[in-house]
Protein backbone atom coordinates (compact mmCIF):
# COMPACT_ATOMS: atom_id res chain seq x y z
CA MET A 1 -31.82 -18.96 -58.55
CA SER A 2 -28.50 -19.99 -60.07
CA LYS A 3 -27.26 -16.38 -59.84
CA LEU A 4 -28.13 -16.15 -56.13
CA LEU A 5 -26.48 -19.41 -55.20
CA PRO A 6 -22.85 -18.12 -55.20
CA TRP A 7 -23.80 -15.25 -52.85
CA PHE A 8 -25.59 -17.62 -50.50
CA CYS A 9 -22.53 -19.89 -50.41
CA CYS A 10 -20.32 -16.92 -49.59
CA LEU A 11 -22.55 -15.97 -46.67
CA LEU A 12 -22.33 -19.48 -45.30
CA LEU A 13 -18.54 -19.26 -45.42
CA ILE A 14 -18.35 -15.77 -43.85
CA ALA A 15 -20.72 -16.52 -40.95
CA PRO A 16 -18.44 -19.10 -39.25
CA LEU A 17 -15.45 -16.79 -39.67
CA HIS A 18 -17.34 -13.91 -38.06
CA ALA A 19 -18.43 -16.13 -35.16
CA ALA A 20 -14.84 -17.25 -34.64
CA GLU A 21 -13.67 -13.63 -34.47
CA LEU A 22 -16.31 -12.81 -31.86
CA ALA A 23 -15.18 -15.74 -29.71
CA ALA A 24 -11.44 -15.16 -30.13
CA PRO A 25 -9.48 -14.13 -27.00
CA ALA A 26 -8.31 -10.51 -26.81
CA ALA A 27 -6.32 -8.36 -24.40
CA ARG A 28 -7.93 -6.87 -21.31
CA THR A 29 -6.51 -3.91 -19.38
CA ILE A 30 -7.74 -3.39 -15.82
CA VAL A 31 -7.27 0.01 -14.22
CA LEU A 32 -7.49 -0.17 -10.43
CA VAL A 33 -8.04 3.04 -8.46
CA ARG A 34 -7.77 3.14 -4.71
CA HIS A 35 -10.40 5.22 -2.93
CA GLY A 36 -9.60 8.66 -1.54
CA TYR A 37 -8.55 9.45 2.02
CA TYR A 38 -11.06 8.93 4.80
CA LEU A 39 -11.18 9.20 8.59
CA PRO A 40 -12.72 6.76 11.07
CA ASP A 41 -16.27 7.69 12.02
CA ALA A 42 -18.00 6.05 14.96
CA HIS A 43 -21.38 7.03 13.49
CA ALA A 44 -20.75 5.47 10.08
CA ASP A 45 -22.72 2.47 8.87
CA GLU A 46 -21.11 -0.65 10.32
CA LYS A 47 -21.04 -2.47 6.98
CA LEU A 48 -20.36 0.40 4.60
CA GLY A 49 -17.85 2.38 6.65
CA PRO A 50 -17.22 6.15 6.62
CA HIS A 51 -17.43 8.70 3.82
CA LEU A 52 -14.40 10.41 2.29
CA ALA A 53 -12.69 13.19 4.21
CA PRO A 54 -12.35 16.57 2.43
CA ILE A 55 -8.85 15.73 1.22
CA GLY A 56 -10.17 12.44 -0.15
CA VAL A 57 -12.79 14.33 -2.13
CA ALA A 58 -10.05 16.50 -3.64
CA GLN A 59 -8.01 13.41 -4.51
CA ALA A 60 -11.03 11.80 -6.19
CA HIS A 61 -11.56 14.87 -8.39
CA LEU A 62 -7.91 14.75 -9.43
CA VAL A 63 -7.95 11.07 -10.33
CA GLY A 64 -11.23 11.51 -12.19
CA ALA A 65 -9.69 14.21 -14.36
CA ARG A 66 -6.64 12.01 -14.98
CA LEU A 67 -8.80 9.05 -16.04
CA ALA A 68 -10.96 11.21 -18.30
CA GLY A 69 -7.82 12.40 -20.07
CA LEU A 70 -6.61 8.91 -20.93
CA PRO A 71 -6.72 8.05 -24.64
CA THR A 72 -9.05 5.12 -24.09
CA ARG A 73 -12.68 4.34 -23.40
CA PHE A 74 -13.63 2.23 -20.40
CA ASP A 75 -15.80 -0.69 -21.46
CA ALA A 76 -16.99 -1.26 -17.87
CA LEU A 77 -16.91 0.62 -14.56
CA TYR A 78 -16.91 -1.33 -11.28
CA VAL A 79 -16.87 -0.21 -7.64
CA SER A 80 -16.60 -1.79 -4.21
CA PRO A 81 -19.74 -1.68 -2.06
CA LEU A 82 -17.96 0.23 0.73
CA GLN A 83 -18.82 3.90 1.16
CA ARG A 84 -15.35 5.39 0.66
CA ALA A 85 -15.05 3.61 -2.68
CA ARG A 86 -18.58 4.56 -3.70
CA ASP A 87 -17.88 8.21 -2.86
CA THR A 88 -14.72 8.10 -4.96
CA ALA A 89 -16.58 6.49 -7.87
CA ALA A 90 -19.41 9.04 -7.62
CA ILE A 91 -16.90 11.88 -8.00
CA ILE A 92 -15.08 10.13 -10.86
CA ALA A 93 -18.45 9.61 -12.58
CA GLY A 94 -18.72 13.38 -12.94
CA ASP A 95 -15.99 13.12 -15.60
CA PHE A 96 -17.89 10.34 -17.41
CA PRO A 97 -21.41 11.67 -18.03
CA GLY A 98 -24.01 9.04 -18.69
CA ARG A 99 -21.86 6.18 -17.42
CA HIS A 100 -22.84 3.85 -14.57
CA PHE A 101 -20.70 2.03 -11.99
CA GLU A 102 -21.63 -1.56 -11.23
CA VAL A 103 -21.19 -2.59 -7.58
CA VAL A 104 -19.08 -5.75 -7.25
CA ASP A 105 -19.18 -7.24 -3.75
CA ASP A 106 -15.87 -9.07 -4.23
CA LEU A 107 -14.09 -5.69 -4.58
CA ALA A 108 -14.76 -4.97 -0.88
CA GLU A 109 -11.78 -4.45 1.39
CA CYS A 110 -10.59 -7.42 3.40
CA THR A 111 -7.36 -8.80 4.80
CA PRO A 112 -5.96 -11.85 2.99
CA PRO A 113 -3.25 -14.11 4.45
CA THR A 114 0.17 -12.46 4.73
CA TRP A 115 3.68 -13.16 5.99
CA ARG A 116 3.29 -10.36 8.53
CA THR A 117 2.46 -12.14 11.79
CA LYS A 118 1.46 -8.88 13.49
CA ILE A 119 -1.28 -8.48 10.92
CA THR A 120 -2.51 -12.07 10.97
CA ALA A 121 -2.56 -12.06 14.77
CA GLN A 122 -5.31 -9.43 14.63
CA GLU A 123 -7.47 -11.45 12.23
CA LYS A 124 -9.55 -14.57 12.75
CA PRO A 125 -8.45 -17.57 10.62
CA ALA A 126 -11.96 -17.86 9.20
CA GLU A 127 -11.90 -14.21 8.08
CA LEU A 128 -8.49 -14.62 6.44
CA ALA A 129 -9.77 -17.69 4.59
CA ALA A 130 -12.95 -15.88 3.54
CA CYS A 131 -10.93 -12.98 2.18
CA LYS A 132 -8.69 -15.32 0.21
CA ALA A 133 -11.74 -17.02 -1.29
CA GLN A 134 -13.24 -13.63 -2.18
CA LEU A 135 -10.07 -12.48 -3.95
CA ASP A 136 -9.75 -15.86 -5.68
CA ARG A 137 -13.20 -15.26 -7.17
CA LEU A 138 -12.36 -11.71 -8.19
CA PHE A 139 -9.14 -12.70 -9.93
CA ALA A 140 -10.72 -15.69 -11.71
CA ARG A 141 -13.71 -13.66 -12.95
CA TYR A 142 -12.03 -10.48 -14.19
CA PHE A 143 -8.31 -11.04 -14.63
CA LYS A 144 -8.47 -13.09 -17.78
CA PRO A 145 -8.43 -12.34 -21.54
CA ALA A 146 -11.41 -10.57 -23.05
CA THR A 147 -13.52 -12.15 -25.76
CA GLY A 148 -13.89 -10.82 -29.27
CA HIS A 149 -12.24 -7.43 -28.88
CA GLU A 150 -9.81 -5.69 -26.54
CA ARG A 151 -11.35 -4.24 -23.38
CA THR A 152 -10.35 -1.69 -20.76
CA GLU A 153 -12.12 -1.79 -17.40
CA LEU A 154 -12.03 0.47 -14.35
CA MET A 155 -12.25 -0.77 -10.77
CA VAL A 156 -12.52 1.61 -7.80
CA CYS A 157 -11.63 -0.34 -4.71
CA HIS A 158 -9.10 -0.71 -1.89
CA GLY A 159 -5.41 -1.00 -1.09
CA ASN A 160 -5.43 -4.62 0.05
CA VAL A 161 -7.43 -5.72 -2.98
CA ILE A 162 -5.17 -3.87 -5.42
CA ARG A 163 -1.95 -5.17 -3.89
CA ASN A 164 -3.23 -8.73 -3.85
CA MET A 165 -4.21 -8.53 -7.52
CA VAL A 166 -0.72 -7.24 -8.38
CA VAL A 167 1.16 -10.11 -6.71
CA ARG A 168 -1.18 -12.60 -8.36
CA ALA A 169 -0.53 -11.03 -11.76
CA LEU A 170 3.21 -11.18 -11.09
CA GLY A 171 2.92 -14.89 -10.28
CA VAL A 172 4.61 -14.53 -6.91
CA ASP A 173 3.44 -15.71 -3.50
CA PRO A 174 0.04 -14.01 -2.88
CA GLN A 175 1.07 -13.53 0.75
CA ALA A 176 3.64 -10.95 -0.43
CA TRP A 177 0.97 -8.28 -1.00
CA LEU A 178 2.06 -6.21 2.00
CA GLU A 179 5.53 -5.75 0.50
CA MET A 180 4.21 -2.83 -1.56
CA SER A 181 2.19 0.28 -0.84
CA VAL A 182 -0.36 2.22 -2.90
CA GLY A 183 -1.56 5.71 -2.05
CA ASN A 184 -5.08 7.07 -1.94
CA ALA A 185 -6.58 7.77 -5.38
CA SER A 186 -3.59 6.07 -7.02
CA ILE A 187 -3.78 4.25 -10.35
CA THR A 188 -2.59 0.68 -10.91
CA ARG A 189 -2.76 -0.87 -14.38
CA ILE A 190 -2.64 -4.60 -15.16
CA ARG A 191 -2.89 -5.94 -18.69
CA VAL A 192 -3.93 -9.48 -19.51
CA GLU A 193 -2.74 -10.41 -22.98
CA ALA A 194 -4.86 -12.50 -25.35
CA ASP A 195 -2.71 -15.54 -24.52
CA GLY A 196 -3.33 -15.10 -20.77
CA LYS A 197 0.07 -13.64 -19.90
CA PHE A 198 0.15 -10.70 -17.50
CA LYS A 199 1.87 -7.34 -17.73
CA VAL A 200 1.90 -5.10 -14.66
CA ILE A 201 2.13 -1.65 -16.25
CA SER A 202 2.01 0.60 -13.19
CA VAL A 203 1.47 0.30 -9.44
CA GLY A 204 0.27 3.13 -7.20
CA ASP A 205 0.74 5.93 -9.75
CA VAL A 206 -0.01 9.28 -8.07
CA GLY A 207 1.43 11.59 -10.74
CA HIS A 208 -1.91 13.41 -10.92
CA ILE A 209 -1.85 14.34 -7.21
CA PRO A 210 0.34 17.23 -5.95
CA PRO A 211 2.83 16.14 -3.26
CA ASN A 212 1.04 18.12 -0.55
CA LEU A 213 -2.18 16.17 -1.17
CA ARG A 214 -0.74 12.65 -1.24
CA THR A 215 -1.77 10.22 1.49
CA GLY A 216 -2.05 6.52 2.13
CA ALA A 217 1.30 5.23 0.88
CA SER A 218 4.25 4.38 3.12
CA GLY A 219 6.03 7.59 4.06
CA ASP A 220 3.09 9.88 3.32
CA PRO A 221 2.23 12.10 6.32
CA GLU A 222 -1.29 12.50 7.65
CA ARG A 223 -2.88 15.56 6.05
CA SER A 224 -6.07 17.57 6.37
CA LEU A 225 -7.87 20.24 4.34
CA ALA A 226 -9.31 21.75 7.52
CA VAL A 227 -8.52 25.41 8.11
CA PRO A 228 -5.89 25.64 10.89
CA ALA A 229 -6.30 27.92 13.87
CA LEU A 230 -5.02 31.47 13.37
CA PRO A 231 -1.63 31.88 15.14
């Protein structure tokens, strides 16, 4: 018994240290991908919206390959409930066999308050307030340090959501979100350090998409993969 006692004491000392390590704050990197290009569809589900257009499907394959080539493993995969985001995530999932996307309702597209009066004039005050509350919840839940070990998480969502998360991370007026533009299937990376400080690493990166397939950002022309009529 006397020989076992020192080992038992050591275990009692190690256990609290191990528990402290598991509870310690760690860095979290969030990779936000905007959905691919889509076209309005009068027959689409009213709540879910339309599917991706052919060019959006191509963009989703390109961003999926880019993500799969990153030297990191995603600890969690999240997607907006809207159809264009779900389509994009389904294509990306082809590059991550065996992985599952969790639907997060607060990743849905909405219009938060903005300085642009032309935009706010088209929205009901109650809807602007509801969107702000939704994005408040999203930011508070996910944009914070990880616990125990560093994490990297993927979110497939929408332009308004991504831009609003960026201005929040920058600590500027959240109503400034429309002062930037992110293209379809672009990649935005935000890192939350263990001490809670933010680092915006990239915004709207489309380096994986050839110029003739880029859409959605300011200055990008409307494009289609449809076969044109023979001259």
